[in-house]
Amino acid sequence: MPISMSRTTTSLVAVGAGVILLSAAGGSFAQWSDSAPYTPGSISSGKLAMQADGGSWYLTKGTSDTNDDVSINPSTFKMVPGDEVEYRATVRPNLVGDTLKAKLTATLPGVSGTLAEHVLITTRIDGSSDPVTLTSQDTASNKGYAARVTVTMPYEGTKTEGKAGQEKSVDLSTLTVSLVQTR
């Protein structure tokens, strides 16, 4: 019975013979390659930050003229119908980035206290209740933006509510000024 080799064995013998012949003939198994150096440099990231200056409380007398406003201490000032008081702070956003855009907003999400139902409370940035859209060009000069919370106890004239709203307080400690990237 003749000896037969399997196809796999035959293939392995053929590959081995080819390797031996190439080696004996001075053949090479090297792969050619080349490269070129590049120096692309580095890329840096920008930043989004905000500095909040200390704020103060004022009795506004209900007018837009701030020259006649009076500085008050909120822990000793007692509000009465017809008063309007305002907390004023300044924020300085800093946007660094060629395409960076952000919105600056003032919010008061959790007003609490028994006086809350007797007063009107508004928040504004630079006089607007809408968010202020900023770019890095807008903040390059370190411009300050006015953050305001206004608390008004309406005076209804002849309408009387007895003692409603007397000896009560409102907690405004949840005031938040936010700078949030939009691009």
N, C-alpha and C. Protein backbone atom coordinates (compact mmCIF):
# COMPACT_ATOMS: atom_id res chain seq x y z
N MET A 1 0.84 -1.16 0.00
CA MET A 1 0.00 0.00 0.00
C MET A 1 0.89 1.23 0.00
N PRO A 2 0.66 2.12 -0.95
CA PRO A 2 1.54 3.29 -1.06
C PRO A 2 1.26 4.27 0.08
N ILE A 3 2.28 4.98 0.45
CA ILE A 3 2.16 5.99 1.51
C ILE A 3 1.64 7.27 0.86
N SER A 4 0.55 7.81 1.39
CA SER A 4 0.02 9.07 0.84
C SER A 4 0.06 10.14 1.93
N MET A 5 0.38 11.32 1.49
CA MET A 5 0.44 12.44 2.44
C MET A 5 -0.85 13.25 2.32
N SER A 6 -1.27 13.78 3.41
CA SER A 6 -2.47 14.61 3.39
C SER A 6 -2.16 15.93 2.70
N ARG A 7 -3.15 16.63 2.31
CA ARG A 7 -2.97 17.91 1.63
C ARG A 7 -2.28 18.93 2.54
N THR A 8 -2.60 18.92 3.80
CA THR A 8 -1.98 19.85 4.75
C THR A 8 -0.50 19.58 4.86
N THR A 9 -0.15 18.31 4.97
CA THR A 9 1.26 17.95 5.08
C THR A 9 2.00 18.34 3.82
N THR A 10 1.41 18.12 2.67
CA THR A 10 2.02 18.47 1.39
C THR A 10 2.25 19.97 1.32
N SER A 11 1.29 20.75 1.75
CA SER A 11 1.43 22.22 1.72
C SER A 11 2.55 22.68 2.64
N LEU A 12 2.65 22.11 3.82
CA LEU A 12 3.70 22.50 4.77
C LEU A 12 5.07 22.16 4.22
N VAL A 13 5.21 21.01 3.59
CA VAL A 13 6.50 20.62 3.00
C VAL A 13 6.87 21.58 1.89
N ALA A 14 5.90 22.02 1.07
CA ALA A 14 6.18 22.94 -0.04
C ALA A 14 6.61 24.30 0.49
N VAL A 15 5.95 24.81 1.52
CA VAL A 15 6.33 26.10 2.11
C VAL A 15 7.73 26.02 2.70
N GLY A 16 8.02 24.94 3.41
CA GLY A 16 9.35 24.77 4.00
C GLY A 16 10.42 24.73 2.93
N ALA A 17 10.18 24.05 1.83
CA ALA A 17 11.15 23.98 0.74
C ALA A 17 11.38 25.35 0.15
N GLY A 18 10.31 26.17 0.02
CA GLY A 18 10.46 27.52 -0.53
C GLY A 18 11.30 28.39 0.37
N VAL A 19 11.11 28.27 1.68
CA VAL A 19 11.90 29.05 2.63
C VAL A 19 13.37 28.67 2.53
N ILE A 20 13.66 27.38 2.44
CA ILE A 20 15.05 26.91 2.35
C ILE A 20 15.69 27.42 1.07
N LEU A 21 14.98 27.39 -0.04
CA LEU A 21 15.52 27.85 -1.32
C LEU A 21 15.80 29.35 -1.29
N LEU A 22 14.86 30.14 -0.72
CA LEU A 22 15.08 31.60 -0.63
C LEU A 22 16.26 31.93 0.26
N SER A 23 16.40 31.23 1.35
CA SER A 23 17.51 31.49 2.27
C SER A 23 18.83 31.14 1.61
N ALA A 24 18.89 30.05 0.90
CA ALA A 24 20.12 29.61 0.25
C ALA A 24 20.49 30.55 -0.88
N ALA A 25 19.51 31.14 -1.54
CA ALA A 25 19.78 32.02 -2.68
C ALA A 25 20.04 33.45 -2.24
N GLY A 26 20.04 33.71 -0.95
CA GLY A 26 20.29 35.07 -0.45
C GLY A 26 19.06 35.94 -0.51
N GLY A 27 17.88 35.38 -0.58
CA GLY A 27 16.63 36.14 -0.62
C GLY A 27 16.37 36.86 0.69
N SER A 28 15.45 37.78 0.67
CA SER A 28 15.16 38.59 1.85
C SER A 28 13.68 38.52 2.19
N PHE A 29 13.41 38.56 3.49
CA PHE A 29 12.02 38.60 3.95
C PHE A 29 11.66 40.01 4.43
N ALA A 30 12.49 41.01 4.19
CA ALA A 30 12.28 42.37 4.69
C ALA A 30 11.10 43.04 4.00
N GLN A 31 10.46 43.93 4.75
CA GLN A 31 9.37 44.74 4.20
C GLN A 31 9.86 46.17 4.16
N TRP A 32 9.71 46.81 3.03
CA TRP A 32 10.16 48.18 2.91
C TRP A 32 9.19 49.12 3.60
N SER A 33 9.74 50.22 4.14
CA SER A 33 8.90 51.25 4.75
C SER A 33 9.63 52.57 4.74
N ASP A 34 8.89 53.64 4.98
CA ASP A 34 9.46 54.97 5.03
C ASP A 34 8.58 55.80 5.97
N SER A 35 9.09 56.89 6.48
CA SER A 35 8.31 57.78 7.34
C SER A 35 8.77 59.21 7.14
N ALA A 36 7.92 60.13 7.48
CA ALA A 36 8.25 61.55 7.39
C ALA A 36 7.90 62.21 8.72
N PRO A 37 8.80 62.98 9.29
CA PRO A 37 8.52 63.63 10.58
C PRO A 37 7.62 64.86 10.40
N TYR A 38 6.70 65.04 11.34
CA TYR A 38 5.85 66.22 11.38
C TYR A 38 5.92 66.80 12.79
N THR A 39 5.76 68.11 12.89
CA THR A 39 5.73 68.77 14.20
C THR A 39 4.47 69.64 14.27
N PRO A 40 3.32 69.00 14.53
CA PRO A 40 2.08 69.76 14.53
C PRO A 40 1.90 70.69 15.72
N GLY A 41 2.76 70.62 16.71
CA GLY A 41 2.59 71.47 17.89
C GLY A 41 1.58 70.88 18.84
N SER A 42 0.95 71.75 19.64
CA SER A 42 -0.03 71.27 20.61
C SER A 42 -1.28 72.13 20.54
N ILE A 43 -2.35 71.61 21.05
CA ILE A 43 -3.63 72.32 21.12
C ILE A 43 -3.94 72.53 22.60
N SER A 44 -4.39 73.73 22.92
CA SER A 44 -4.74 74.05 24.31
C SER A 44 -6.25 74.25 24.43
N SER A 45 -6.76 73.94 25.59
CA SER A 45 -8.19 74.15 25.85
C SER A 45 -8.41 75.52 26.48
N GLY A 46 -9.61 76.02 26.35
CA GLY A 46 -9.98 77.29 26.95
C GLY A 46 -10.52 77.08 28.35
N LYS A 47 -11.35 78.03 28.79
CA LYS A 47 -11.96 77.87 30.11
C LYS A 47 -13.24 78.68 30.18
N LEU A 48 -14.06 78.32 31.14
CA LEU A 48 -15.29 79.03 31.45
C LEU A 48 -15.29 79.21 32.96
N ALA A 49 -15.27 80.45 33.40
CA ALA A 49 -15.21 80.74 34.84
C ALA A 49 -16.01 82.01 35.12
N MET A 50 -16.25 82.25 36.40
CA MET A 50 -16.99 83.44 36.79
C MET A 50 -16.55 83.88 38.18
N GLN A 51 -16.33 85.16 38.33
CA GLN A 51 -16.01 85.74 39.63
C GLN A 51 -17.25 86.49 40.12
N ALA A 52 -17.66 86.22 41.33
CA ALA A 52 -18.83 86.89 41.91
C ALA A 52 -18.35 87.84 43.00
N ASP A 53 -18.61 89.12 42.79
CA ASP A 53 -18.27 90.12 43.80
C ASP A 53 -19.34 90.10 44.88
N GLY A 54 -19.00 90.56 46.07
CA GLY A 54 -19.96 90.61 47.17
C GLY A 54 -21.13 91.52 46.85
N GLY A 55 -22.30 91.17 47.31
CA GLY A 55 -23.49 91.95 47.04
C GLY A 55 -23.94 92.75 48.25
N SER A 56 -24.87 93.68 48.00
CA SER A 56 -25.42 94.53 49.06
C SER A 56 -26.91 94.72 48.82
N TRP A 57 -27.63 95.05 49.91
CA TRP A 57 -29.06 95.31 49.87
C TRP A 57 -29.32 96.82 49.86
N TYR A 58 -30.37 97.23 49.10
CA TYR A 58 -30.74 98.64 49.00
C TYR A 58 -32.25 98.78 49.06
N LEU A 59 -32.72 99.86 49.68
CA LEU A 59 -34.11 100.28 49.58
C LEU A 59 -34.17 101.15 48.34
N THR A 60 -34.95 100.72 47.32
CA THR A 60 -34.91 101.41 46.03
C THR A 60 -35.91 102.54 45.90
N LYS A 61 -36.85 102.63 46.77
CA LYS A 61 -37.90 103.65 46.72
C LYS A 61 -38.74 103.54 45.45
N GLY A 62 -38.65 102.40 44.77
CA GLY A 62 -39.50 102.14 43.61
C GLY A 62 -39.19 102.94 42.36
N THR A 63 -38.04 103.58 42.29
CA THR A 63 -37.69 104.35 41.10
C THR A 63 -36.49 103.71 40.41
N SER A 64 -36.29 104.07 39.14
CA SER A 64 -35.15 103.53 38.40
C SER A 64 -33.87 104.30 38.71
N ASP A 65 -33.99 105.47 39.34
CA ASP A 65 -32.82 106.27 39.71
C ASP A 65 -32.17 105.67 40.95
N THR A 66 -30.96 105.15 40.80
CA THR A 66 -30.28 104.52 41.93
C THR A 66 -29.56 105.53 42.83
N ASN A 67 -29.54 106.80 42.43
CA ASN A 67 -28.85 107.81 43.24
C ASN A 67 -29.54 108.06 44.58
N ASP A 68 -30.84 107.82 44.65
CA ASP A 68 -31.54 108.06 45.92
C ASP A 68 -31.78 106.77 46.71
N ASP A 69 -31.20 105.67 46.28
CA ASP A 69 -31.33 104.40 47.01
C ASP A 69 -30.55 104.46 48.31
N VAL A 70 -31.04 103.73 49.28
CA VAL A 70 -30.43 103.72 50.60
C VAL A 70 -29.94 102.32 50.92
N SER A 71 -28.70 102.21 51.34
CA SER A 71 -28.14 100.91 51.74
C SER A 71 -28.83 100.45 53.01
N ILE A 72 -29.19 99.15 53.05
CA ILE A 72 -29.87 98.61 54.23
C ILE A 72 -29.16 97.35 54.71
N ASN A 73 -29.40 97.03 55.96
CA ASN A 73 -28.93 95.78 56.54
C ASN A 73 -30.15 94.86 56.60
N PRO A 74 -30.16 93.77 55.83
CA PRO A 74 -31.36 92.93 55.77
C PRO A 74 -31.72 92.27 57.10
N SER A 75 -30.78 92.16 58.00
CA SER A 75 -31.10 91.52 59.29
C SER A 75 -31.81 92.48 60.24
N THR A 76 -31.76 93.79 59.97
CA THR A 76 -32.44 94.75 60.85
C THR A 76 -33.55 95.53 60.14
N PHE A 77 -33.53 95.57 58.82
CA PHE A 77 -34.54 96.32 58.06
C PHE A 77 -35.88 95.60 58.12
N LYS A 78 -36.94 96.34 58.38
CA LYS A 78 -38.30 95.78 58.44
C LYS A 78 -39.11 96.37 57.28
N MET A 79 -39.48 95.53 56.36
CA MET A 79 -40.20 95.91 55.16
C MET A 79 -41.67 96.18 55.48
N VAL A 80 -42.27 97.17 54.78
CA VAL A 80 -43.69 97.49 54.93
C VAL A 80 -44.30 97.60 53.53
N PRO A 81 -45.63 97.51 53.41
CA PRO A 81 -46.24 97.66 52.10
C PRO A 81 -45.80 98.95 51.41
N GLY A 82 -45.46 98.82 50.14
CA GLY A 82 -44.95 99.95 49.36
C GLY A 82 -43.44 99.94 49.22
N ASP A 83 -42.75 99.13 50.01
CA ASP A 83 -41.29 99.06 49.93
C ASP A 83 -40.84 98.15 48.78
N GLU A 84 -39.70 98.53 48.24
CA GLU A 84 -39.03 97.68 47.26
C GLU A 84 -37.56 97.65 47.66
N VAL A 85 -37.06 96.45 47.92
CA VAL A 85 -35.65 96.30 48.27
C VAL A 85 -34.98 95.46 47.19
N GLU A 86 -33.69 95.69 47.05
CA GLU A 86 -32.98 95.01 45.97
C GLU A 86 -31.60 94.57 46.43
N TYR A 87 -31.30 93.32 46.12
CA TYR A 87 -29.96 92.78 46.36
C TYR A 87 -29.18 92.97 45.07
N ARG A 88 -28.01 93.59 45.16
CA ARG A 88 -27.20 93.88 43.97
C ARG A 88 -25.82 93.26 44.12
N ALA A 89 -25.47 92.50 43.12
CA ALA A 89 -24.14 91.89 43.07
C ALA A 89 -23.62 92.04 41.65
N THR A 90 -22.33 91.87 41.50
CA THR A 90 -21.71 91.93 40.18
C THR A 90 -20.98 90.62 39.93
N VAL A 91 -21.18 90.09 38.73
CA VAL A 91 -20.46 88.88 38.32
C VAL A 91 -19.62 89.22 37.10
N ARG A 92 -18.44 88.61 37.05
CA ARG A 92 -17.53 88.83 35.93
C ARG A 92 -17.24 87.49 35.26
N PRO A 93 -17.98 87.19 34.18
CA PRO A 93 -17.73 85.93 33.48
C PRO A 93 -16.41 86.01 32.72
N ASN A 94 -15.78 84.86 32.57
CA ASN A 94 -14.52 84.78 31.83
C ASN A 94 -14.62 83.58 30.90
N LEU A 95 -14.79 83.85 29.62
CA LEU A 95 -14.86 82.80 28.61
C LEU A 95 -13.60 82.87 27.77
N VAL A 96 -12.87 81.79 27.69
CA VAL A 96 -11.67 81.71 26.86
C VAL A 96 -11.86 80.52 25.93
N GLY A 97 -11.98 80.79 24.66
CA GLY A 97 -12.17 79.74 23.66
C GLY A 97 -12.68 80.38 22.39
N ASP A 98 -12.08 80.02 21.27
CA ASP A 98 -12.41 80.67 20.01
C ASP A 98 -13.87 80.56 19.62
N THR A 99 -14.52 79.46 19.96
CA THR A 99 -15.92 79.27 19.57
C THR A 99 -16.84 79.13 20.78
N LEU A 100 -16.34 79.44 21.96
CA LEU A 100 -17.11 79.26 23.20
C LEU A 100 -18.24 80.28 23.31
N LYS A 101 -19.43 79.78 23.63
CA LYS A 101 -20.60 80.62 23.91
C LYS A 101 -21.23 80.12 25.20
N ALA A 102 -21.83 81.04 25.95
CA ALA A 102 -22.46 80.65 27.22
C ALA A 102 -23.63 81.57 27.51
N LYS A 103 -24.49 81.11 28.42
CA LYS A 103 -25.62 81.93 28.88
C LYS A 103 -25.43 82.21 30.36
N LEU A 104 -25.68 83.47 30.72
CA LEU A 104 -25.58 83.93 32.10
C LEU A 104 -27.01 84.17 32.59
N THR A 105 -27.37 83.52 33.69
CA THR A 105 -28.73 83.65 34.23
C THR A 105 -28.70 83.82 35.74
N ALA A 106 -29.73 84.45 36.25
CA ALA A 106 -29.95 84.53 37.70
C ALA A 106 -31.27 83.84 37.99
N THR A 107 -31.25 82.90 38.92
CA THR A 107 -32.48 82.18 39.27
C THR A 107 -32.62 82.12 40.79
N LEU A 108 -33.82 81.96 41.21
CA LEU A 108 -34.15 81.83 42.63
C LEU A 108 -35.12 80.67 42.74
N PRO A 109 -34.60 79.43 42.70
CA PRO A 109 -35.48 78.27 42.57
C PRO A 109 -36.29 77.89 43.80
N GLY A 110 -35.86 78.23 44.98
CA GLY A 110 -36.56 77.73 46.16
C GLY A 110 -36.88 78.79 47.17
N VAL A 111 -37.70 79.77 46.81
CA VAL A 111 -38.09 80.81 47.76
C VAL A 111 -38.98 80.19 48.83
N SER A 112 -38.63 80.45 50.07
CA SER A 112 -39.44 79.91 51.17
C SER A 112 -39.65 80.98 52.23
N GLY A 113 -40.53 80.70 53.13
CA GLY A 113 -40.82 81.62 54.22
C GLY A 113 -42.25 82.12 54.13
N THR A 114 -42.76 82.56 55.26
CA THR A 114 -44.16 82.97 55.35
C THR A 114 -44.45 84.31 54.68
N LEU A 115 -43.40 85.10 54.41
CA LEU A 115 -43.60 86.38 53.72
C LEU A 115 -43.69 86.19 52.20
N ALA A 116 -43.27 85.05 51.68
CA ALA A 116 -43.20 84.81 50.24
C ALA A 116 -44.53 85.07 49.53
N GLU A 117 -45.64 84.73 50.16
CA GLU A 117 -46.94 84.91 49.51
C GLU A 117 -47.40 86.37 49.49
N HIS A 118 -46.68 87.25 50.17
CA HIS A 118 -47.08 88.66 50.26
C HIS A 118 -46.17 89.60 49.48
N VAL A 119 -45.16 89.05 48.80
CA VAL A 119 -44.21 89.89 48.07
C VAL A 119 -44.07 89.39 46.63
N LEU A 120 -43.56 90.27 45.78
CA LEU A 120 -43.22 89.92 44.40
C LEU A 120 -41.70 89.86 44.32
N ILE A 121 -41.17 88.80 43.74
CA ILE A 121 -39.72 88.62 43.67
C ILE A 121 -39.32 88.44 42.21
N THR A 122 -38.33 89.21 41.77
CA THR A 122 -37.82 89.07 40.41
C THR A 122 -36.30 88.96 40.45
N THR A 123 -35.75 88.24 39.46
CA THR A 123 -34.29 88.16 39.29
C THR A 123 -33.96 88.67 37.90
N ARG A 124 -32.82 89.36 37.79
CA ARG A 124 -32.41 89.91 36.50
C ARG A 124 -30.89 89.92 36.38
N ILE A 125 -30.44 89.85 35.16
CA ILE A 125 -29.03 90.07 34.83
C ILE A 125 -29.00 91.26 33.89
N ASP A 126 -28.27 92.29 34.25
CA ASP A 126 -28.20 93.53 33.47
C ASP A 126 -29.58 94.04 33.05
N GLY A 127 -30.52 93.98 33.97
CA GLY A 127 -31.85 94.53 33.73
C GLY A 127 -32.82 93.62 33.01
N SER A 128 -32.40 92.43 32.61
CA SER A 128 -33.27 91.53 31.86
C SER A 128 -33.52 90.23 32.62
N SER A 129 -34.76 89.75 32.55
CA SER A 129 -35.04 88.45 33.15
C SER A 129 -34.66 87.31 32.21
N ASP A 130 -34.34 87.65 30.96
CA ASP A 130 -33.88 86.65 29.99
C ASP A 130 -32.39 86.38 30.18
N PRO A 131 -31.93 85.17 29.83
CA PRO A 131 -30.49 84.89 29.92
C PRO A 131 -29.69 85.82 29.01
N VAL A 132 -28.49 86.14 29.42
CA VAL A 132 -27.58 86.95 28.62
C VAL A 132 -26.64 85.99 27.90
N THR A 133 -26.59 86.08 26.56
CA THR A 133 -25.71 85.22 25.77
C THR A 133 -24.35 85.90 25.63
N LEU A 134 -23.29 85.16 25.92
CA LEU A 134 -21.93 85.71 25.91
C LEU A 134 -21.00 84.88 25.03
N THR A 135 -19.96 85.55 24.53
CA THR A 135 -18.86 84.89 23.83
C THR A 135 -17.56 85.34 24.49
N SER A 136 -16.46 84.75 24.08
CA SER A 136 -15.18 85.15 24.67
C SER A 136 -14.87 86.62 24.36
N GLN A 137 -15.34 87.13 23.22
CA GLN A 137 -15.12 88.54 22.90
C GLN A 137 -15.88 89.44 23.87
N ASP A 138 -17.05 89.00 24.33
CA ASP A 138 -17.85 89.80 25.27
C ASP A 138 -17.17 89.93 26.63
N THR A 139 -16.40 88.94 27.02
CA THR A 139 -15.82 88.94 28.36
C THR A 139 -14.35 89.33 28.38
N ALA A 140 -13.79 89.65 27.23
CA ALA A 140 -12.36 89.98 27.16
C ALA A 140 -12.01 91.22 27.98
N SER A 141 -12.95 92.14 28.15
CA SER A 141 -12.66 93.38 28.88
C SER A 141 -12.92 93.27 30.38
N ASN A 142 -13.25 92.06 30.87
CA ASN A 142 -13.53 91.84 32.29
C ASN A 142 -14.75 92.65 32.76
N LYS A 143 -15.71 92.82 31.87
CA LYS A 143 -16.93 93.58 32.17
C LYS A 143 -17.72 92.90 33.28
N GLY A 144 -18.24 93.69 34.17
CA GLY A 144 -19.11 93.17 35.21
C GLY A 144 -20.56 93.22 34.77
N TYR A 145 -21.30 92.18 35.11
CA TYR A 145 -22.73 92.11 34.80
C TYR A 145 -23.50 92.20 36.12
N ALA A 146 -24.54 93.03 36.13
CA ALA A 146 -25.31 93.28 37.34
C ALA A 146 -26.31 92.16 37.57
N ALA A 147 -26.16 91.45 38.68
CA ALA A 147 -27.12 90.42 39.10
C ALA A 147 -28.01 91.05 40.17
N ARG A 148 -29.33 90.97 39.99
CA ARG A 148 -30.26 91.64 40.91
C ARG A 148 -31.38 90.71 41.34
N VAL A 149 -31.76 90.85 42.61
CA VAL A 149 -32.99 90.25 43.13
C VAL A 149 -33.79 91.39 43.73
N THR A 150 -35.00 91.57 43.24
CA THR A 150 -35.86 92.64 43.75
C THR A 150 -37.04 92.03 44.49
N VAL A 151 -37.28 92.54 45.69
CA VAL A 151 -38.41 92.09 46.51
C VAL A 151 -39.31 93.30 46.72
N THR A 152 -40.55 93.18 46.25
CA THR A 152 -41.51 94.28 46.36
C THR A 152 -42.69 93.83 47.19
N MET A 153 -43.02 94.64 48.21
CA MET A 153 -44.24 94.40 48.99
C MET A 153 -45.24 95.44 48.49
N PRO A 154 -46.21 94.99 47.68
CA PRO A 154 -47.14 95.96 47.07
C PRO A 154 -47.94 96.74 48.11
N TYR A 155 -48.19 97.99 47.76
CA TYR A 155 -49.08 98.83 48.56
C TYR A 155 -50.36 98.97 47.77
N GLU A 156 -51.45 98.50 48.31
CA GLU A 156 -52.71 98.45 47.58
C GLU A 156 -53.58 99.69 47.82
N GLY A 157 -53.08 100.70 48.48
CA GLY A 157 -53.87 101.91 48.71
C GLY A 157 -54.95 101.70 49.75
N THR A 158 -56.20 101.67 49.33
CA THR A 158 -57.32 101.56 50.27
C THR A 158 -57.63 100.13 50.68
N LYS A 159 -57.04 99.16 50.01
CA LYS A 159 -57.31 97.76 50.34
C LYS A 159 -56.57 97.40 51.62
N THR A 160 -57.28 96.83 52.57
CA THR A 160 -56.65 96.42 53.82
C THR A 160 -56.76 94.91 53.98
N GLU A 161 -55.72 94.33 54.50
CA GLU A 161 -55.70 92.88 54.74
C GLU A 161 -55.47 92.59 56.21
N GLY A 162 -55.79 93.53 57.05
CA GLY A 162 -55.56 93.31 58.47
C GLY A 162 -54.07 93.20 58.76
N LYS A 163 -53.68 92.09 59.31
CA LYS A 163 -52.27 91.91 59.69
C LYS A 163 -51.52 90.98 58.73
N ALA A 164 -52.09 90.73 57.56
CA ALA A 164 -51.45 89.83 56.59
C ALA A 164 -50.06 90.34 56.23
N GLY A 165 -49.09 89.47 56.28
CA GLY A 165 -47.72 89.81 55.92
C GLY A 165 -46.90 90.44 57.03
N GLN A 166 -47.48 90.62 58.22
CA GLN A 166 -46.74 91.25 59.31
C GLN A 166 -45.86 90.23 60.03
N GLU A 167 -44.70 90.70 60.45
CA GLU A 167 -43.74 89.92 61.24
C GLU A 167 -43.44 88.56 60.60
N LYS A 168 -43.20 88.58 59.30
CA LYS A 168 -42.87 87.38 58.55
C LYS A 168 -41.55 87.59 57.83
N SER A 169 -41.00 86.52 57.29
CA SER A 169 -39.73 86.64 56.55
C SER A 169 -39.77 85.76 55.31
N VAL A 170 -38.85 86.04 54.41
CA VAL A 170 -38.70 85.26 53.18
C VAL A 170 -37.22 84.91 53.04
N ASP A 171 -36.95 83.66 52.70
CA ASP A 171 -35.57 83.17 52.56
C ASP A 171 -35.18 83.20 51.09
N LEU A 172 -34.17 83.99 50.75
CA LEU A 172 -33.70 84.13 49.38
C LEU A 172 -32.33 83.49 49.19
N SER A 173 -31.94 82.61 50.08
CA SER A 173 -30.58 82.06 50.06
C SER A 173 -30.32 81.10 48.89
N THR A 174 -31.34 80.79 48.10
CA THR A 174 -31.11 79.90 46.96
C THR A 174 -30.78 80.66 45.68
N LEU A 175 -30.53 81.96 45.79
CA LEU A 175 -30.16 82.73 44.60
C LEU A 175 -28.94 82.09 43.94
N THR A 176 -29.05 81.84 42.66
CA THR A 176 -27.95 81.25 41.91
C THR A 176 -27.74 82.04 40.63
N VAL A 177 -26.50 82.44 40.40
CA VAL A 177 -26.12 83.02 39.11
C VAL A 177 -25.32 81.94 38.40
N SER A 178 -25.78 81.56 37.22
CA SER A 178 -25.16 80.45 36.49
C SER A 178 -24.59 80.92 35.16
N LEU A 179 -23.44 80.37 34.82
CA LEU A 179 -22.81 80.58 33.52
C LEU A 179 -22.68 79.19 32.91
N VAL A 180 -23.44 78.93 31.84
CA VAL A 180 -23.52 77.58 31.27
C VAL A 180 -23.16 77.63 29.79
N GLN A 181 -22.24 76.77 29.39
CA GLN A 181 -21.83 76.70 28.00
C GLN A 181 -23.00 76.28 27.11
N THR A 182 -23.16 77.00 25.99
CA THR A 182 -24.18 76.63 25.00
C THR A 182 -23.55 76.17 23.70
N ARG A 183 -22.26 76.37 23.54
CA ARG A 183 -21.50 75.90 22.37
C ARG A 183 -20.06 75.76 22.75
